[in-house]
Amino acid sequence: MSLNTSSYLNQESHQKSKRNFECLKNSQQTTSLQDNPLQNLQLASWEVLEKAQKSGRSKCPRCGSSRMFYCYSCYVPVETVPTKEIPVVKLPLKIDIIKHPNETDGKSTAVHAKLLASEDVTIYTYPCIPEYEGKKHEIALVFPGPNSVLVKDITLHLQKNVENVSCDDNDDSSAEPLLKKAKIETKEDRKLGECKLNIRSEDTVLKKVIFIDSTWNQTNKIITDERLQGMLQIELKTRKTCFWRHQKGKPDTYLSTIEAIYYFFVDYHQEILKESYKGQYDNLLFFFSFMYTLIKNAKNSSGKE
């Protein structure tokens, strides 16, 4: 009896120690993740950036300006950062970035997207905005607002937009009011009733995403522009920023431009494409994560939080 009791107590003590170890391990992992939430990204080697940092500022191969890592005016790496050593990210959608004219070029993260996914990214400086009329049913604007939806709901809302466009095209404003018409189905009625059935599946596919590059206090001028009205708006409500220039008074869900682009595509890949995410877009944060680490290390060294 005493032997069984002793054995039981030893087993219980072993299980308790194991649980404590697991709790400590999980706590350390959580603390580590909080210290650097970007640490699990599947990134290309930072070696080229580390070498460039040690050598200091270098010339832009196009304009000759002295820059660190890349030229934020020409959207190209500097001479000490060979283009072939910079990762290339292929995106499933095209991106238009509308940049506020007062946004400081050197502080903007929009250039990261152009550097890393140059074939899919175009940057415009407001008030220069492309013509979107007639294409709004295949475009989404990533920006928080009262009518914004989640990424997972994109297809549903694009379908509604396509139906509105299709049915509006069949609308006859000269026809009599519906209540005055005889209760018989005309050719026009059938055409109008079948407009939803005639919508091709490719018409409900998102083809382009728009992002606004600006401080949050300057966005109103762009977001209220009549050329951007009537578009499907997307909000990334569950993501938190790591940006070292986060603006006071704004929620931590207000992301920097490159963070918004990255998290949008991660969600899009899983929610819309229905594919397993395996780090395909992680290199969008290649420059961002490197700078985040540099700044965090510098703050830790100086004793600042």
C-alpha atoms as a PDB file:
ATOM      1  CA  MET A   1       0.000   0.000   0.000  1.00  0.00           C
ATOM      2  CA  SER A   2       2.762   2.404   0.983  1.00  0.00           C
ATOM      3  CA  LEU A   3       4.737   1.453  -2.139  1.00  0.00           C
ATOM      4  CA  ASN A   4       1.792   2.269  -4.381  1.00  0.00           C
ATOM      5  CA  THR A   5       1.252   5.560  -2.589  1.00  0.00           C
ATOM      6  CA  SER A   6       4.918   6.475  -2.997  1.00  0.00           C
ATOM      7  CA  SER A   7       4.806   5.569  -6.690  1.00  0.00           C
ATOM      8  CA  TYR A   8       1.680   7.652  -7.195  1.00  0.00           C
ATOM      9  CA  LEU A   9       3.230  10.666  -5.482  1.00  0.00           C
ATOM     10  CA  ASN A  10       6.369  10.379  -7.623  1.00  0.00           C
ATOM     11  CA  GLN A  11       4.271  10.256 -10.797  1.00  0.00           C
ATOM     12  CA  GLU A  12       2.211  13.240  -9.659  1.00  0.00           C
ATOM     13  CA  SER A  13       5.378  15.188  -8.861  1.00  0.00           C
ATOM     14  CA  HIS A  14       6.809  14.312 -12.303  1.00  0.00           C
ATOM     15  CA  GLN A  15       3.623  15.442 -14.075  1.00  0.00           C
ATOM     16  CA  LYS A  16       3.575  18.686 -12.081  1.00  0.00           C
ATOM     17  CA  SER A  17       7.209  19.411 -12.996  1.00  0.00           C
ATOM     18  CA  LYS A  18       6.435  18.675 -16.648  1.00  0.00           C
ATOM     19  CA  ARG A  19       3.442  21.051 -16.593  1.00  0.00           C
ATOM     20  CA  ASN A  20       5.539  23.775 -14.961  1.00  0.00           C
ATOM     21  CA  PHE A  21       8.222  23.327 -17.614  1.00  0.00           C
ATOM     22  CA  GLU A  22       5.669  23.574 -20.426  1.00  0.00           C
ATOM     23  CA  CYS A  23       4.130  26.681 -18.861  1.00  0.00           C
ATOM     24  CA  LEU A  24       7.566  28.284 -18.527  1.00  0.00           C
ATOM     25  CA  LYS A  25       8.418  27.331 -22.118  1.00  0.00           C
ATOM     26  CA  ASN A  26       5.154  28.765 -23.449  1.00  0.00           C
ATOM     27  CA  SER A  27       5.631  31.890 -21.346  1.00  0.00           C
ATOM     28  CA  GLN A  28       9.127  32.384 -22.752  1.00  0.00           C
ATOM     29  CA  GLN A  29       7.841  31.883 -26.303  1.00  0.00           C
ATOM     30  CA  THR A  30       5.019  34.376 -25.705  1.00  0.00           C
ATOM     31  CA  THR A  31       7.426  36.918 -24.222  1.00  0.00           C
ATOM     32  CA  SER A  32       9.826  36.396 -27.121  1.00  0.00           C
ATOM     33  CA  LEU A  33       7.011  36.841 -29.629  1.00  0.00           C
ATOM     34  CA  GLN A  34       5.886  40.014 -27.868  1.00  0.00           C
ATOM     35  CA  ASP A  35       9.456  41.314 -27.920  1.00  0.00           C
ATOM     36  CA  ASN A  36       9.671  40.682 -31.662  1.00  0.00           C
ATOM     37  CA  PRO A  37       6.327  39.737 -33.290  1.00  0.00           C
ATOM     38  CA  LEU A  38       8.049  39.593 -36.684  1.00  0.00           C
ATOM     39  CA  GLN A  39      10.592  36.942 -35.708  1.00  0.00           C
ATOM     40  CA  ASN A  40       8.743  34.005 -37.286  1.00  0.00           C
ATOM     41  CA  LEU A  41       8.657  35.493 -40.781  1.00  0.00           C
ATOM     42  CA  GLN A  42      10.257  33.453 -43.554  1.00  0.00           C
ATOM     43  CA  LEU A  43      12.600  36.113 -44.878  1.00  0.00           C
ATOM     44  CA  ALA A  44      15.509  36.227 -47.282  1.00  0.00           C
ATOM     45  CA  SER A  45      18.927  36.704 -45.671  1.00  0.00           C
ATOM     46  CA  TRP A  46      19.615  40.135 -44.186  1.00  0.00           C
ATOM     47  CA  GLU A  47      23.312  39.756 -44.912  1.00  0.00           C
ATOM     48  CA  VAL A  48      23.203  42.248 -47.776  1.00  0.00           C
ATOM     49  CA  LEU A  49      21.506  44.848 -45.541  1.00  0.00           C
ATOM     50  CA  GLU A  50      23.895  44.216 -42.661  1.00  0.00           C
ATOM     51  CA  LYS A  51      26.879  44.814 -44.957  1.00  0.00           C
ATOM     52  CA  ALA A  52      25.289  47.972 -46.335  1.00  0.00           C
ATOM     53  CA  GLN A  53      24.640  49.242 -42.822  1.00  0.00           C
ATOM     54  CA  LYS A  54      28.288  48.794 -41.870  1.00  0.00           C
ATOM     55  CA  SER A  55      29.522  50.580 -44.990  1.00  0.00           C
ATOM     56  CA  GLY A  56      27.147  53.518 -44.464  1.00  0.00           C
ATOM     57  CA  ARG A  57      25.190  55.599 -46.943  1.00  0.00           C
ATOM     58  CA  SER A  58      25.715  54.973 -50.640  1.00  0.00           C
ATOM     59  CA  LYS A  59      24.783  56.559 -53.971  1.00  0.00           C
ATOM     60  CA  CYS A  60      21.566  55.928 -55.842  1.00  0.00           C
ATOM     61  CA  PRO A  61      22.545  54.489 -59.255  1.00  0.00           C
ATOM     62  CA  ARG A  62      19.931  56.699 -60.954  1.00  0.00           C
ATOM     63  CA  CYS A  63      19.907  60.127 -59.316  1.00  0.00           C
ATOM     64  CA  GLY A  64      23.217  59.958 -57.438  1.00  0.00           C
ATOM     65  CA  SER A  65      21.664  60.959 -54.108  1.00  0.00           C
ATOM     66  CA  SER A  66      23.204  59.633 -50.903  1.00  0.00           C
ATOM     67  CA  ARG A  67      20.880  57.080 -49.318  1.00  0.00           C
ATOM     68  CA  MET A  68      20.826  54.139 -46.912  1.00  0.00           C
ATOM     69  CA  PHE A  69      19.727  50.778 -48.373  1.00  0.00           C
ATOM     70  CA  TYR A  70      17.535  52.240 -51.165  1.00  0.00           C
ATOM     71  CA  CYS A  71      16.551  55.454 -52.893  1.00  0.00           C
ATOM     72  CA  TYR A  72      13.047  56.425 -51.817  1.00  0.00           C
ATOM     73  CA  SER A  73      12.745  58.781 -54.808  1.00  0.00           C
ATOM     74  CA  CYS A  74      13.770  56.401 -57.592  1.00  0.00           C
ATOM     75  CA  TYR A  75      12.535  53.174 -55.945  1.00  0.00           C
ATOM     76  CA  VAL A  76      15.817  51.311 -56.473  1.00  0.00           C
ATOM     77  CA  PRO A  77      18.466  49.865 -54.122  1.00  0.00           C
ATOM     78  CA  VAL A  78      21.668  51.875 -53.649  1.00  0.00           C
ATOM     79  CA  GLU A  79      25.005  50.772 -55.092  1.00  0.00           C
ATOM     80  CA  THR A  80      26.004  48.756 -52.010  1.00  0.00           C
ATOM     81  CA  VAL A  81      22.786  46.703 -52.185  1.00  0.00           C
ATOM     82  CA  PRO A  82      22.878  44.605 -55.380  1.00  0.00           C
ATOM     83  CA  THR A  83      19.423  44.174 -56.902  1.00  0.00           C
ATOM     84  CA  LYS A  84      19.996  40.435 -57.348  1.00  0.00           C
ATOM     85  CA  GLU A  85      20.307  40.054 -53.571  1.00  0.00           C
ATOM     86  CA  ILE A  86      16.946  41.676 -52.908  1.00  0.00           C
ATOM     87  CA  PRO A  87      14.004  39.218 -52.771  1.00  0.00           C
ATOM     88  CA  VAL A  88      11.245  39.445 -55.371  1.00  0.00           C
ATOM     89  CA  VAL A  89       7.638  38.933 -54.302  1.00  0.00           C
ATOM     90  CA  LYS A  90       4.940  37.983 -56.809  1.00  0.00           C
ATOM     91  CA  LEU A  91       1.469  39.165 -55.828  1.00  0.00           C
ATOM     92  CA  PRO A  92      -1.864  37.694 -56.970  1.00  0.00           C
ATOM     93  CA  LEU A  93      -3.336  41.181 -57.507  1.00  0.00           C
ATOM     94  CA  LYS A  94      -2.145  44.535 -58.799  1.00  0.00           C
ATOM     95  CA  ILE A  95      -1.655  47.366 -56.313  1.00  0.00           C
ATOM     96  CA  ASP A  96      -2.107  51.106 -56.683  1.00  0.00           C
ATOM     97  CA  ILE A  97      -0.682  53.218 -53.865  1.00  0.00           C
ATOM     98  CA  ILE A  98      -2.019  56.785 -53.621  1.00  0.00           C
ATOM     99  CA  LYS A  99       0.603  58.834 -51.800  1.00  0.00           C
ATOM    100  CA  HIS A 100      -0.175  62.103 -50.058  1.00  0.00           C
ATOM    101  CA  PRO A 101       1.983  64.943 -51.483  1.00  0.00           C
ATOM    102  CA  ASN A 102       3.041  65.977 -47.970  1.00  0.00           C
ATOM    103  CA  GLU A 103       4.090  62.478 -46.941  1.00  0.00           C
ATOM    104  CA  THR A 104       7.821  62.498 -46.193  1.00  0.00           C
ATOM    105  CA  ASP A 105       9.463  60.188 -48.726  1.00  0.00           C
ATOM    106  CA  GLY A 106      12.140  58.987 -46.337  1.00  0.00           C
ATOM    107  CA  LYS A 107       9.571  57.966 -43.726  1.00  0.00           C
ATOM    108  CA  SER A 108       7.174  56.189 -46.069  1.00  0.00           C
ATOM    109  CA  THR A 109       7.049  52.388 -46.169  1.00  0.00           C
ATOM    110  CA  ALA A 110       5.203  52.352 -49.512  1.00  0.00           C
ATOM    111  CA  VAL A 111       8.545  52.258 -51.321  1.00  0.00           C
ATOM    112  CA  HIS A 112       9.195  48.834 -49.767  1.00  0.00           C
ATOM    113  CA  ALA A 113       6.334  47.393 -51.803  1.00  0.00           C
ATOM    114  CA  LYS A 114       7.664  48.925 -55.026  1.00  0.00           C
ATOM    115  CA  LEU A 115      11.171  47.633 -54.343  1.00  0.00           C
ATOM    116  CA  LEU A 116      10.065  44.088 -53.544  1.00  0.00           C
ATOM    117  CA  ALA A 117       7.090  43.612 -55.892  1.00  0.00           C
ATOM    118  CA  SER A 118       7.874  46.111 -58.639  1.00  0.00           C
ATOM    119  CA  GLU A 119       5.865  44.332 -61.361  1.00  0.00           C
ATOM    120  CA  ASP A 120       2.654  44.489 -59.352  1.00  0.00           C
ATOM    121  CA  VAL A 121       2.935  47.867 -57.607  1.00  0.00           C
ATOM    122  CA  THR A 122       2.392  51.394 -58.940  1.00  0.00           C
ATOM    123  CA  ILE A 123       2.759  54.521 -56.792  1.00  0.00           C
ATOM    124  CA  TYR A 124       0.856  57.731 -57.601  1.00  0.00           C
ATOM    125  CA  THR A 125       1.199  61.076 -55.856  1.00  0.00           C
ATOM    126  CA  TYR A 126      -2.128  62.756 -55.092  1.00  0.00           C
ATOM    127  CA  PRO A 127      -3.977  64.448 -56.800  1.00  0.00           C
ATOM    128  CA  CYS A 128      -2.796  62.119 -59.580  1.00  0.00           C
ATOM    129  CA  ILE A 129      -5.212  59.172 -59.431  1.00  0.00           C
ATOM    130  CA  PRO A 130      -5.881  56.627 -62.212  1.00  0.00           C
ATOM    131  CA  GLU A 131      -9.272  56.438 -63.899  1.00  0.00           C
ATOM    132  CA  TYR A 132     -11.341  53.855 -62.025  1.00  0.00           C
ATOM    133  CA  GLU A 133     -14.759  54.644 -63.478  1.00  0.00           C
ATOM    134  CA  GLY A 134     -16.410  51.510 -64.818  1.00  0.00           C
ATOM    135  CA  LYS A 135     -13.947  49.283 -62.935  1.00  0.00           C
ATOM    136  CA  LYS A 136     -15.029  49.841 -59.357  1.00  0.00           C
ATOM    137  CA  HIS A 137     -16.755  46.448 -59.219  1.00  0.00           C
ATOM    138  CA  GLU A 138     -13.353  44.764 -59.497  1.00  0.00           C
ATOM    139  CA  ILE A 139     -11.357  47.070 -57.198  1.00  0.00           C
ATOM    140  CA  ALA A 140     -11.132  47.333 -53.416  1.00  0.00           C
ATOM    141  CA  LEU A 141      -9.807  50.169 -51.257  1.00  0.00           C
ATOM    142  CA  VAL A 142      -8.074  49.120 -48.050  1.00  0.00           C
ATOM    143  CA  PHE A 143      -9.054  51.754 -45.524  1.00  0.00           C
ATOM    144  CA  PRO A 144     -11.054  51.634 -42.259  1.00  0.00           C
ATOM    145  CA  GLY A 145     -14.504  53.181 -42.270  1.00  0.00           C
ATOM    146  CA  PRO A 146     -18.156  52.723 -41.239  1.00  0.00           C
ATOM    147  CA  ASN A 147     -18.947  50.716 -44.387  1.00  0.00           C
ATOM    148  CA  SER A 148     -15.730  48.703 -44.570  1.00  0.00           C
ATOM    149  CA  VAL A 149     -15.866  44.904 -44.646  1.00  0.00           C
ATOM    150  CA  LEU A 150     -13.478  42.104 -43.782  1.00  0.00           C
ATOM    151  CA  VAL A 151     -11.302  40.360 -46.356  1.00  0.00           C
ATOM    152  CA  LYS A 152     -13.361  37.161 -46.073  1.00  0.00           C
ATOM    153  CA  ASP A 153     -16.453  39.048 -47.283  1.00  0.00           C
ATOM    154  CA  ILE A 154     -14.883  40.483 -50.452  1.00  0.00           C
ATOM    155  CA  THR A 155     -16.452  38.033 -52.901  1.00  0.00           C
ATOM    156  CA  LEU A 156     -19.961  38.558 -51.524  1.00  0.00           C
ATOM    157  CA  HIS A 157     -19.756  42.336 -51.795  1.00  0.00           C
ATOM    158  CA  LEU A 158     -18.127  42.276 -55.232  1.00  0.00           C
ATOM    159  CA  GLN A 159     -21.058  40.127 -56.400  1.00  0.00           C
ATOM    160  CA  LYS A 160     -23.457  42.823 -55.210  1.00  0.00           C
ATOM    161  CA  ASN A 161     -21.480  45.520 -57.011  1.00  0.00           C
ATOM    162  CA  VAL A 162     -21.475  43.517 -60.258  1.00  0.00           C
ATOM    163  CA  GLU A 163     -25.227  42.951 -60.002  1.00  0.00           C
ATOM    164  CA  ASN A 164     -25.786  46.686 -59.562  1.00  0.00           C
ATOM    165  CA  VAL A 165     -23.614  47.504 -62.577  1.00  0.00           C
ATOM    166  CA  SER A 166     -25.224  44.804 -64.734  1.00  0.00           C
ATOM    167  CA  CYS A 167     -28.789  45.715 -63.829  1.00  0.00           C
ATOM    168  CA  ASP A 168     -28.146  49.447 -64.148  1.00  0.00           C
ATOM    169  CA  ASP A 169     -26.983  48.826 -67.720  1.00  0.00           C
ATOM    170  CA  ASN A 170     -30.360  47.257 -68.482  1.00  0.00           C
ATOM    171  CA  ASP A 171     -32.349  50.028 -66.821  1.00  0.00           C
ATOM    172  CA  ASP A 172     -34.760  51.958 -69.067  1.00  0.00           C
ATOM    173  CA  SER A 173     -35.431  55.301 -67.430  1.00  0.00           C
ATOM    174  CA  SER A 174     -38.062  56.148 -70.081  1.00  0.00           C
ATOM    175  CA  ALA A 175     -40.205  53.145 -69.208  1.00  0.00           C
ATOM    176  CA  GLU A 176     -43.472  53.548 -67.293  1.00  0.00           C
ATOM    177  CA  PRO A 177     -43.403  53.156 -63.507  1.00  0.00           C
ATOM    178  CA  LEU A 178     -43.653  49.511 -62.508  1.00  0.00           C
ATOM    179  CA  LEU A 179     -47.086  49.885 -60.851  1.00  0.00           C
ATOM    180  CA  LYS A 180     -48.654  51.164 -64.072  1.00  0.00           C
ATOM    181  CA  LYS A 181     -47.448  48.260 -66.181  1.00  0.00           C
ATOM    182  CA  ALA A 182     -49.698  45.379 -67.080  1.00  0.00           C
ATOM    183  CA  LYS A 183     -48.936  42.222 -65.127  1.00  0.00           C
ATOM    184  CA  ILE A 184     -47.312  40.421 -68.042  1.00  0.00           C
ATOM    185  CA  GLU A 185     -43.677  39.528 -68.477  1.00  0.00           C
ATOM    186  CA  THR A 186     -42.075  41.473 -71.292  1.00  0.00           C
ATOM    187  CA  LYS A 187     -38.787  40.805 -73.057  1.00  0.00           C
ATOM    188  CA  GLU A 188     -37.230  43.619 -71.059  1.00  0.00           C
ATOM    189  CA  ASP A 189     -38.516  42.140 -67.793  1.00  0.00           C
ATOM    190  CA  ARG A 190     -36.967  38.788 -68.595  1.00  0.00           C
ATOM    191  CA  LYS A 191     -33.681  40.430 -69.529  1.00  0.00           C
ATOM    192  CA  LEU A 192     -33.690  42.409 -66.294  1.00  0.00           C
ATOM    193  CA  GLY A 193     -34.647  39.366 -64.250  1.00  0.00           C
ATOM    194  CA  GLU A 194     -31.872  37.271 -65.757  1.00  0.00           C
ATOM    195  CA  CYS A 195     -29.108  39.845 -65.321  1.00  0.00           C
ATOM    196  CA  LYS A 196     -27.832  38.076 -62.220  1.00  0.00           C
ATOM    197  CA  LEU A 197     -27.662  34.756 -64.052  1.00  0.00           C
ATOM    198  CA  ASN A 198     -25.693  36.254 -66.915  1.00  0.00           C
ATOM    199  CA  ILE A 199     -22.914  37.561 -64.670  1.00  0.00           C
ATOM    200  CA  ARG A 200     -19.722  35.707 -65.489  1.00  0.00           C
ATOM    201  CA  SER A 201     -17.711  34.305 -62.609  1.00  0.00           C
ATOM    202  CA  GLU A 202     -14.653  36.291 -63.674  1.00  0.00           C
ATOM    203  CA  ASP A 203     -16.632  39.518 -63.213  1.00  0.00           C
ATOM    204  CA  THR A 204     -16.778  38.900 -59.458  1.00  0.00           C
ATOM    205  CA  VAL A 205     -13.029  38.466 -59.121  1.00  0.00           C
ATOM    206  CA  LEU A 206     -10.987  41.164 -57.415  1.00  0.00           C
ATOM    207  CA  LYS A 207      -8.325  42.469 -59.785  1.00  0.00           C
ATOM    208  CA  LYS A 208      -6.787  45.468 -58.041  1.00  0.00           C
ATOM    209  CA  VAL A 209      -6.316  46.834 -54.516  1.00  0.00           C
ATOM    210  CA  ILE A 210      -5.750  50.472 -53.581  1.00  0.00           C
ATOM    211  CA  PHE A 211      -3.797  51.627 -50.532  1.00  0.00           C
ATOM    212  CA  ILE A 212      -3.376  55.181 -49.238  1.00  0.00           C
ATOM    213  CA  ASP A 213       0.100  56.221 -48.126  1.00  0.00           C
ATOM    214  CA  SER A 214      -0.221  59.105 -45.713  1.00  0.00           C
ATOM    215  CA  THR A 215      -0.189  60.010 -42.054  1.00  0.00           C
ATOM    216  CA  TRP A 216      -3.601  59.232 -40.598  1.00  0.00           C
ATOM    217  CA  ASN A 217      -4.262  62.920 -39.976  1.00  0.00           C
ATOM    218  CA  GLN A 218      -3.801  63.704 -43.675  1.00  0.00           C
ATOM    219  CA  THR A 219      -5.897  60.919 -45.172  1.00  0.00           C
ATOM    220  CA  ASN A 220      -9.226  62.768 -45.258  1.00  0.00           C
ATOM    221  CA  LYS A 221      -8.357  64.740 -48.382  1.00  0.00           C
ATOM    222  CA  ILE A 222      -7.672  61.558 -50.340  1.00  0.00           C
ATOM    223  CA  ILE A 223     -10.357  59.246 -48.944  1.00  0.00           C
ATOM    224  CA  THR A 224     -13.090  61.822 -49.674  1.00  0.00           C
ATOM    225  CA  ASP A 225     -11.984  62.358 -53.280  1.00  0.00           C
ATOM    226  CA  GLU A 226     -14.964  61.709 -55.570  1.00  0.00           C
ATOM    227  CA  ARG A 227     -12.857  59.398 -57.761  1.00  0.00           C
ATOM    228  CA  LEU A 228     -12.564  56.919 -54.884  1.00  0.00           C
ATOM    229  CA  GLN A 229     -16.242  56.945 -53.917  1.00  0.00           C
ATOM    230  CA  GLY A 230     -18.407  53.883 -54.446  1.00  0.00           C
ATOM    231  CA  MET A 231     -15.571  51.418 -54.002  1.00  0.00           C
ATOM    232  CA  LEU A 232     -15.618  48.397 -51.752  1.00  0.00           C
ATOM    233  CA  GLN A 233     -13.673  49.289 -48.589  1.00  0.00           C
ATOM    234  CA  ILE A 234     -11.666  46.708 -46.659  1.00  0.00           C
ATOM    235  CA  GLU A 235     -10.541  46.972 -43.045  1.00  0.00           C
ATOM    236  CA  LEU A 236      -7.909  44.840 -41.324  1.00  0.00           C
ATOM    237  CA  LYS A 237      -9.367  44.867 -37.844  1.00  0.00           C
ATOM    238  CA  THR A 238      -7.396  42.083 -36.172  1.00  0.00           C
ATOM    239  CA  ARG A 239      -3.828  43.124 -37.015  1.00  0.00           C
ATOM    240  CA  LYS A 240      -1.647  45.302 -34.809  1.00  0.00           C
ATOM    241  CA  THR A 241       1.092  47.596 -35.999  1.00  0.00           C
ATOM    242  CA  CYS A 242       4.792  47.233 -35.226  1.00  0.00           C
ATOM    243  CA  PHE A 243       5.619  50.562 -36.879  1.00  0.00           C
ATOM    244  CA  TRP A 244       8.132  52.574 -34.867  1.00  0.00           C
ATOM    245  CA  ARG A 245       6.464  55.833 -36.001  1.00  0.00           C
ATOM    246  CA  HIS A 246       3.009  54.883 -34.746  1.00  0.00           C
ATOM    247  CA  GLN A 247       0.911  58.027 -34.331  1.00  0.00           C
ATOM    248  CA  LYS A 248      -0.296  58.958 -30.876  1.00  0.00           C
ATOM    249  CA  GLY A 249      -4.031  58.850 -30.350  1.00  0.00           C
ATOM    250  CA  LYS A 250      -4.593  56.244 -33.069  1.00  0.00           C
ATOM    251  CA  PRO A 251      -5.496  52.599 -32.348  1.00  0.00           C
ATOM    252  CA  ASP A 252      -2.779  49.999 -32.759  1.00  0.00           C
ATOM    253  CA  THR A 253      -4.838  48.438 -35.575  1.00  0.00           C
ATOM    254  CA  TYR A 254      -3.921  51.431 -37.773  1.00  0.00           C
ATOM    255  CA  LEU A 255      -1.093  49.936 -39.795  1.00  0.00           C
ATOM    256  CA  SER A 256       1.760  51.370 -41.801  1.00  0.00           C
ATOM    257  CA  THR A 257       1.357  51.041 -45.573  1.00  0.00           C
ATOM    258  CA  ILE A 258       3.622  48.022 -46.019  1.00  0.00           C
ATOM    259  CA  GLU A 259       2.045  46.250 -43.013  1.00  0.00           C
ATOM    260  CA  ALA A 260      -1.422  46.800 -44.490  1.00  0.00           C
ATOM    261  CA  ILE A 261      -0.289  45.403 -47.838  1.00  0.00           C
ATOM    262  CA  TYR A 262       1.332  42.374 -46.223  1.00  0.00           C
ATOM    263  CA  TYR A 263      -1.543  41.481 -43.905  1.00  0.00           C
ATOM    264  CA  PHE A 264      -4.105  42.025 -46.653  1.00  0.00           C
ATOM    265  CA  PHE A 265      -2.414  39.455 -48.871  1.00  0.00           C
ATOM    266  CA  VAL A 266      -1.971  36.962 -46.041  1.00  0.00           C
ATOM    267  CA  ASP A 267      -5.710  37.154 -45.338  1.00  0.00           C
ATOM    268  CA  TYR A 268      -6.592  37.160 -49.037  1.00  0.00           C
ATOM    269  CA  HIS A 269      -4.484  34.053 -49.625  1.00  0.00           C
ATOM    270  CA  GLN A 270      -6.281  32.144 -46.884  1.00  0.00           C
ATOM    271  CA  GLU A 271      -9.804  33.566 -47.013  1.00  0.00           C
ATOM    272  CA  ILE A 272     -10.324  34.096 -50.758  1.00  0.00           C
ATOM    273  CA  LEU A 273      -7.832  31.839 -52.522  1.00  0.00           C
ATOM    274  CA  LYS A 274      -8.490  29.199 -49.847  1.00  0.00           C
ATOM    275  CA  GLU A 275      -4.853  28.125 -49.830  1.00  0.00           C
ATOM    276  CA  SER A 276      -2.509  27.307 -46.965  1.00  0.00           C
ATOM    277  CA  TYR A 277      -0.224  30.205 -46.163  1.00  0.00           C
ATOM    278  CA  LYS A 278       3.443  29.215 -46.171  1.00  0.00           C
ATOM    279  CA  GLY A 279       5.191  32.572 -46.052  1.00  0.00           C
ATOM    280  CA  GLN A 280       4.660  33.461 -49.726  1.00  0.00           C
ATOM    281  CA  TYR A 281       4.432  37.207 -48.974  1.00  0.00           C
ATOM    282  CA  ASP A 282       6.679  37.427 -45.902  1.00  0.00           C
ATOM    283  CA  ASN A 283       9.444  39.131 -47.869  1.00  0.00           C
ATOM    284  CA  LEU A 284       7.183  42.153 -48.289  1.00  0.00           C
ATOM    285  CA  LEU A 285       8.462  42.921 -44.778  1.00  0.00           C
ATOM    286  CA  PHE A 286      12.116  42.334 -45.728  1.00  0.00           C
ATOM    287  CA  PHE A 287      13.166  45.967 -45.187  1.00  0.00           C
ATOM    288  CA  PHE A 288      10.507  46.713 -42.561  1.00  0.00           C
ATOM    289  CA  SER A 289      11.469  43.849 -40.246  1.00  0.00           C
ATOM    290  CA  PHE A 290      15.181  44.640 -40.569  1.00  0.00           C
ATOM    291  CA  MET A 291      14.604  48.281 -39.633  1.00  0.00           C
ATOM    292  CA  TYR A 292      12.251  47.260 -36.828  1.00  0.00           C
ATOM    293  CA  THR A 293      14.962  45.038 -35.361  1.00  0.00           C
ATOM    294  CA  LEU A 294      17.639  47.741 -35.691  1.00  0.00           C
ATOM    295  CA  ILE A 295      15.489  50.342 -33.970  1.00  0.00           C
ATOM    296  CA  LYS A 296      14.346  47.979 -31.213  1.00  0.00           C
ATOM    297  CA  ASN A 297      17.930  46.918 -30.502  1.00  0.00           C
ATOM    298  CA  ALA A 298      19.030  50.544 -30.413  1.00  0.00           C
ATOM    299  CA  LYS A 299      16.268  51.383 -27.934  1.00  0.00           C
ATOM    300  CA  ASN A 300      17.143  48.412 -25.754  1.00  0.00           C
ATOM    301  CA  SER A 301      20.795  49.464 -25.729  1.00  0.00           C
ATOM    302  CA  SER A 302      19.898  52.977 -24.623  1.00  0.00           C
ATOM    303  CA  GLY A 303      17.446  51.718 -22.018  1.00  0.00           C
ATOM    304  CA  LYS A 304      14.394  53.163 -23.803  1.00  0.00           C
ATOM    305  CA  GLU A 305      11.118  51.330 -24.399  1.00  0.00           C
END
